Amino acid sequence: MHLPAPFLSDRVAVDEAHALIARHGDEAGYAAAARAEQYRVLGNHIHFARWRQIERLITYLSIDDVLGTVH
């Protein structure tokens, strides 16, 4: 499976992804998508894009396989 690593602008994105996973478990990706949609409706494209990236990060973190090179 090929899944490109998500872009992370800062450490806070990882913390937010972790908090959603802790709070929502397997539904964390849906929670991030809902937040992204809220910002899209408000016309805030910056926060929309940020929450989409967090959604992708949650998906990336939920995969059990090793992705990329292991050193």
N, C-alpha and C. Protein backbone atom coordinates (compact mmCIF):
# COMPACT_ATOMS: atom_id res chain seq x y z
N MET A 1 0.84 -1.18 0.00
CA MET A 1 0.00 0.00 0.00
C MET A 1 0.88 1.24 0.00
N HIS A 2 0.63 2.15 -0.91
CA HIS A 2 1.39 3.40 -0.95
C HIS A 2 0.51 4.53 -0.46
N LEU A 3 0.94 5.16 0.62
CA LEU A 3 0.23 6.30 1.17
C LEU A 3 1.27 7.36 1.48
N PRO A 4 1.26 8.48 0.75
CA PRO A 4 2.27 9.50 1.00
C PRO A 4 2.10 10.09 2.40
N ALA A 5 3.20 10.43 3.01
CA ALA A 5 3.16 11.03 4.34
C ALA A 5 2.46 12.39 4.26
N PRO A 6 1.61 12.69 5.23
CA PRO A 6 0.91 13.98 5.22
C PRO A 6 1.87 15.12 5.55
N PHE A 7 1.54 16.30 5.06
CA PHE A 7 2.31 17.50 5.37
C PHE A 7 1.96 17.96 6.78
N LEU A 8 2.95 18.25 7.57
CA LEU A 8 2.73 18.74 8.93
C LEU A 8 3.37 20.12 9.05
N SER A 9 2.54 21.11 9.33
CA SER A 9 3.08 22.46 9.43
C SER A 9 3.70 22.73 10.79
N ASP A 10 3.25 21.99 11.82
CA ASP A 10 3.79 22.19 13.15
C ASP A 10 3.43 21.02 14.06
N ARG A 11 3.98 21.03 15.24
CA ARG A 11 3.75 19.96 16.22
C ARG A 11 2.31 19.94 16.72
N VAL A 12 1.66 21.10 16.72
CA VAL A 12 0.29 21.19 17.21
C VAL A 12 -0.65 20.29 16.41
N ALA A 13 -0.40 20.13 15.12
CA ALA A 13 -1.23 19.26 14.28
C ALA A 13 -1.16 17.82 14.79
N VAL A 14 0.01 17.37 15.19
CA VAL A 14 0.17 16.02 15.73
C VAL A 14 -0.57 15.91 17.06
N ASP A 15 -0.45 16.93 17.89
CA ASP A 15 -1.15 16.92 19.18
C ASP A 15 -2.67 16.89 18.99
N GLU A 16 -3.17 17.65 18.02
CA GLU A 16 -4.61 17.66 17.76
C GLU A 16 -5.08 16.31 17.22
N ALA A 17 -4.29 15.70 16.35
CA ALA A 17 -4.63 14.37 15.84
C ALA A 17 -4.66 13.36 16.98
N HIS A 18 -3.67 13.43 17.85
CA HIS A 18 -3.62 12.50 19.00
C HIS A 18 -4.82 12.71 19.91
N ALA A 19 -5.20 13.96 20.16
CA ALA A 19 -6.34 14.24 21.02
C ALA A 19 -7.64 13.69 20.42
N LEU A 20 -7.81 13.83 19.11
CA LEU A 20 -9.00 13.29 18.47
C LEU A 20 -9.02 11.77 18.52
N ILE A 21 -7.87 11.14 18.34
CA ILE A 21 -7.79 9.68 18.42
C ILE A 21 -8.13 9.22 19.84
N ALA A 22 -7.62 9.93 20.84
CA ALA A 22 -7.90 9.57 22.23
C ALA A 22 -9.38 9.75 22.55
N ARG A 23 -9.99 10.79 22.02
CA ARG A 23 -11.38 11.11 22.32
C ARG A 23 -12.37 10.28 21.51
N HIS A 24 -12.07 10.07 20.21
CA HIS A 24 -13.03 9.45 19.31
C HIS A 24 -12.65 8.05 18.83
N GLY A 25 -11.45 7.61 19.11
CA GLY A 25 -11.02 6.27 18.69
C GLY A 25 -11.05 6.11 17.18
N ASP A 26 -11.72 5.07 16.71
CA ASP A 26 -11.78 4.78 15.27
C ASP A 26 -12.54 5.84 14.48
N GLU A 27 -13.30 6.66 15.15
CA GLU A 27 -14.09 7.70 14.48
C GLU A 27 -13.34 9.04 14.41
N ALA A 28 -12.08 9.07 14.80
CA ALA A 28 -11.32 10.31 14.84
C ALA A 28 -11.20 10.98 13.47
N GLY A 29 -11.02 10.19 12.43
CA GLY A 29 -10.94 10.76 11.09
C GLY A 29 -12.22 11.47 10.70
N TYR A 30 -13.35 10.90 11.10
CA TYR A 30 -14.65 11.53 10.81
C TYR A 30 -14.80 12.84 11.59
N ALA A 31 -14.29 12.86 12.82
CA ALA A 31 -14.35 14.08 13.62
C ALA A 31 -13.51 15.19 12.98
N ALA A 32 -12.33 14.84 12.49
CA ALA A 32 -11.49 15.83 11.82
C ALA A 32 -12.14 16.32 10.53
N ALA A 33 -12.76 15.39 9.80
CA ALA A 33 -13.46 15.77 8.56
C ALA A 33 -14.62 16.71 8.85
N ALA A 34 -15.33 16.46 9.95
CA ALA A 34 -16.45 17.33 10.33
C ALA A 34 -15.95 18.73 10.66
N ARG A 35 -14.83 18.82 11.36
CA ARG A 35 -14.26 20.14 11.66
C ARG A 35 -13.83 20.85 10.39
N ALA A 36 -13.23 20.10 9.48
CA ALA A 36 -12.82 20.70 8.20
C ALA A 36 -14.04 21.23 7.46
N GLU A 37 -15.11 20.48 7.45
CA GLU A 37 -16.33 20.89 6.77
C GLU A 37 -16.93 22.15 7.40
N GLN A 38 -16.89 22.24 8.72
CA GLN A 38 -17.38 23.44 9.39
C GLN A 38 -16.62 24.67 8.92
N TYR A 39 -15.30 24.55 8.83
CA TYR A 39 -14.50 25.69 8.39
C TYR A 39 -14.71 25.99 6.91
N ARG A 40 -14.97 24.96 6.11
CA ARG A 40 -15.24 25.19 4.69
C ARG A 40 -16.52 25.99 4.53
N VAL A 41 -17.54 25.63 5.29
CA VAL A 41 -18.82 26.33 5.23
C VAL A 41 -18.65 27.78 5.67
N LEU A 42 -17.80 28.00 6.66
CA LEU A 42 -17.54 29.37 7.13
C LEU A 42 -16.68 30.18 6.16
N GLY A 43 -16.09 29.51 5.18
CA GLY A 43 -15.24 30.19 4.22
C GLY A 43 -13.81 30.38 4.70
N ASN A 44 -13.44 29.68 5.75
CA ASN A 44 -12.09 29.79 6.30
C ASN A 44 -11.23 28.69 5.68
N HIS A 45 -10.62 29.01 4.55
CA HIS A 45 -9.87 28.00 3.81
C HIS A 45 -8.59 27.56 4.52
N ILE A 46 -8.04 28.41 5.36
CA ILE A 46 -6.81 28.04 6.07
C ILE A 46 -7.09 26.94 7.09
N HIS A 47 -8.12 27.13 7.91
CA HIS A 47 -8.45 26.09 8.90
C HIS A 47 -9.05 24.86 8.23
N PHE A 48 -9.75 25.05 7.12
CA PHE A 48 -10.25 23.90 6.36
C PHE A 48 -9.09 23.01 5.93
N ALA A 49 -8.08 23.62 5.33
CA ALA A 49 -6.92 22.86 4.85
C ALA A 49 -6.17 22.21 6.02
N ARG A 50 -6.06 22.93 7.14
CA ARG A 50 -5.38 22.39 8.31
C ARG A 50 -6.07 21.12 8.82
N TRP A 51 -7.40 21.16 8.94
CA TRP A 51 -8.13 20.00 9.45
C TRP A 51 -8.16 18.86 8.45
N ARG A 52 -8.11 19.15 7.17
CA ARG A 52 -7.98 18.09 6.17
C ARG A 52 -6.64 17.38 6.33
N GLN A 53 -5.59 18.15 6.59
CA GLN A 53 -4.27 17.54 6.80
C GLN A 53 -4.27 16.69 8.07
N ILE A 54 -4.95 17.16 9.11
CA ILE A 54 -5.04 16.39 10.35
C ILE A 54 -5.82 15.11 10.09
N GLU A 55 -6.87 15.19 9.28
CA GLU A 55 -7.61 13.99 8.90
C GLU A 55 -6.71 12.99 8.19
N ARG A 56 -5.87 13.46 7.28
CA ARG A 56 -4.94 12.58 6.58
C ARG A 56 -3.92 11.98 7.54
N LEU A 57 -3.46 12.78 8.50
CA LEU A 57 -2.51 12.29 9.50
C LEU A 57 -3.13 11.16 10.33
N ILE A 58 -4.38 11.33 10.72
CA ILE A 58 -5.07 10.30 11.49
C ILE A 58 -5.14 9.01 10.68
N THR A 59 -5.46 9.12 9.40
CA THR A 59 -5.50 7.94 8.53
C THR A 59 -4.12 7.29 8.47
N TYR A 60 -3.09 8.10 8.31
CA TYR A 60 -1.72 7.61 8.23
C TYR A 60 -1.33 6.88 9.51
N LEU A 61 -1.72 7.43 10.65
CA LEU A 61 -1.37 6.83 11.94
C LEU A 61 -2.16 5.56 12.23
N SER A 62 -3.29 5.38 11.57
CA SER A 62 -4.13 4.23 11.86
C SER A 62 -3.71 2.96 11.10
N ILE A 63 -2.78 3.08 10.18
CA ILE A 63 -2.34 1.94 9.38
C ILE A 63 -1.30 1.14 10.17
N ASP A 64 -1.49 -0.16 10.21
CA ASP A 64 -0.58 -1.02 10.97
C ASP A 64 0.70 -1.36 10.22
N ASP A 65 0.69 -1.26 8.91
CA ASP A 65 1.88 -1.59 8.11
C ASP A 65 2.94 -0.51 8.25
N VAL A 66 4.17 -0.91 7.99
CA VAL A 66 5.28 0.05 7.97
C VAL A 66 5.25 0.77 6.63
N LEU A 67 5.23 2.09 6.68
CA LEU A 67 5.23 2.90 5.47
C LEU A 67 6.55 3.65 5.39
N GLY A 68 7.26 3.46 4.34
CA GLY A 68 8.53 4.14 4.17
C GLY A 68 9.69 3.28 4.63
N THR A 69 10.83 3.90 4.75
CA THR A 69 12.07 3.21 5.09
C THR A 69 12.21 3.09 6.60
N VAL A 70 12.62 1.92 7.05
CA VAL A 70 12.91 1.69 8.46
C VAL A 70 14.41 1.66 8.63
N HIS A 71 14.94 2.48 9.50
CA HIS A 71 16.39 2.55 9.71
C HIS A 71 16.76 1.84 10.98
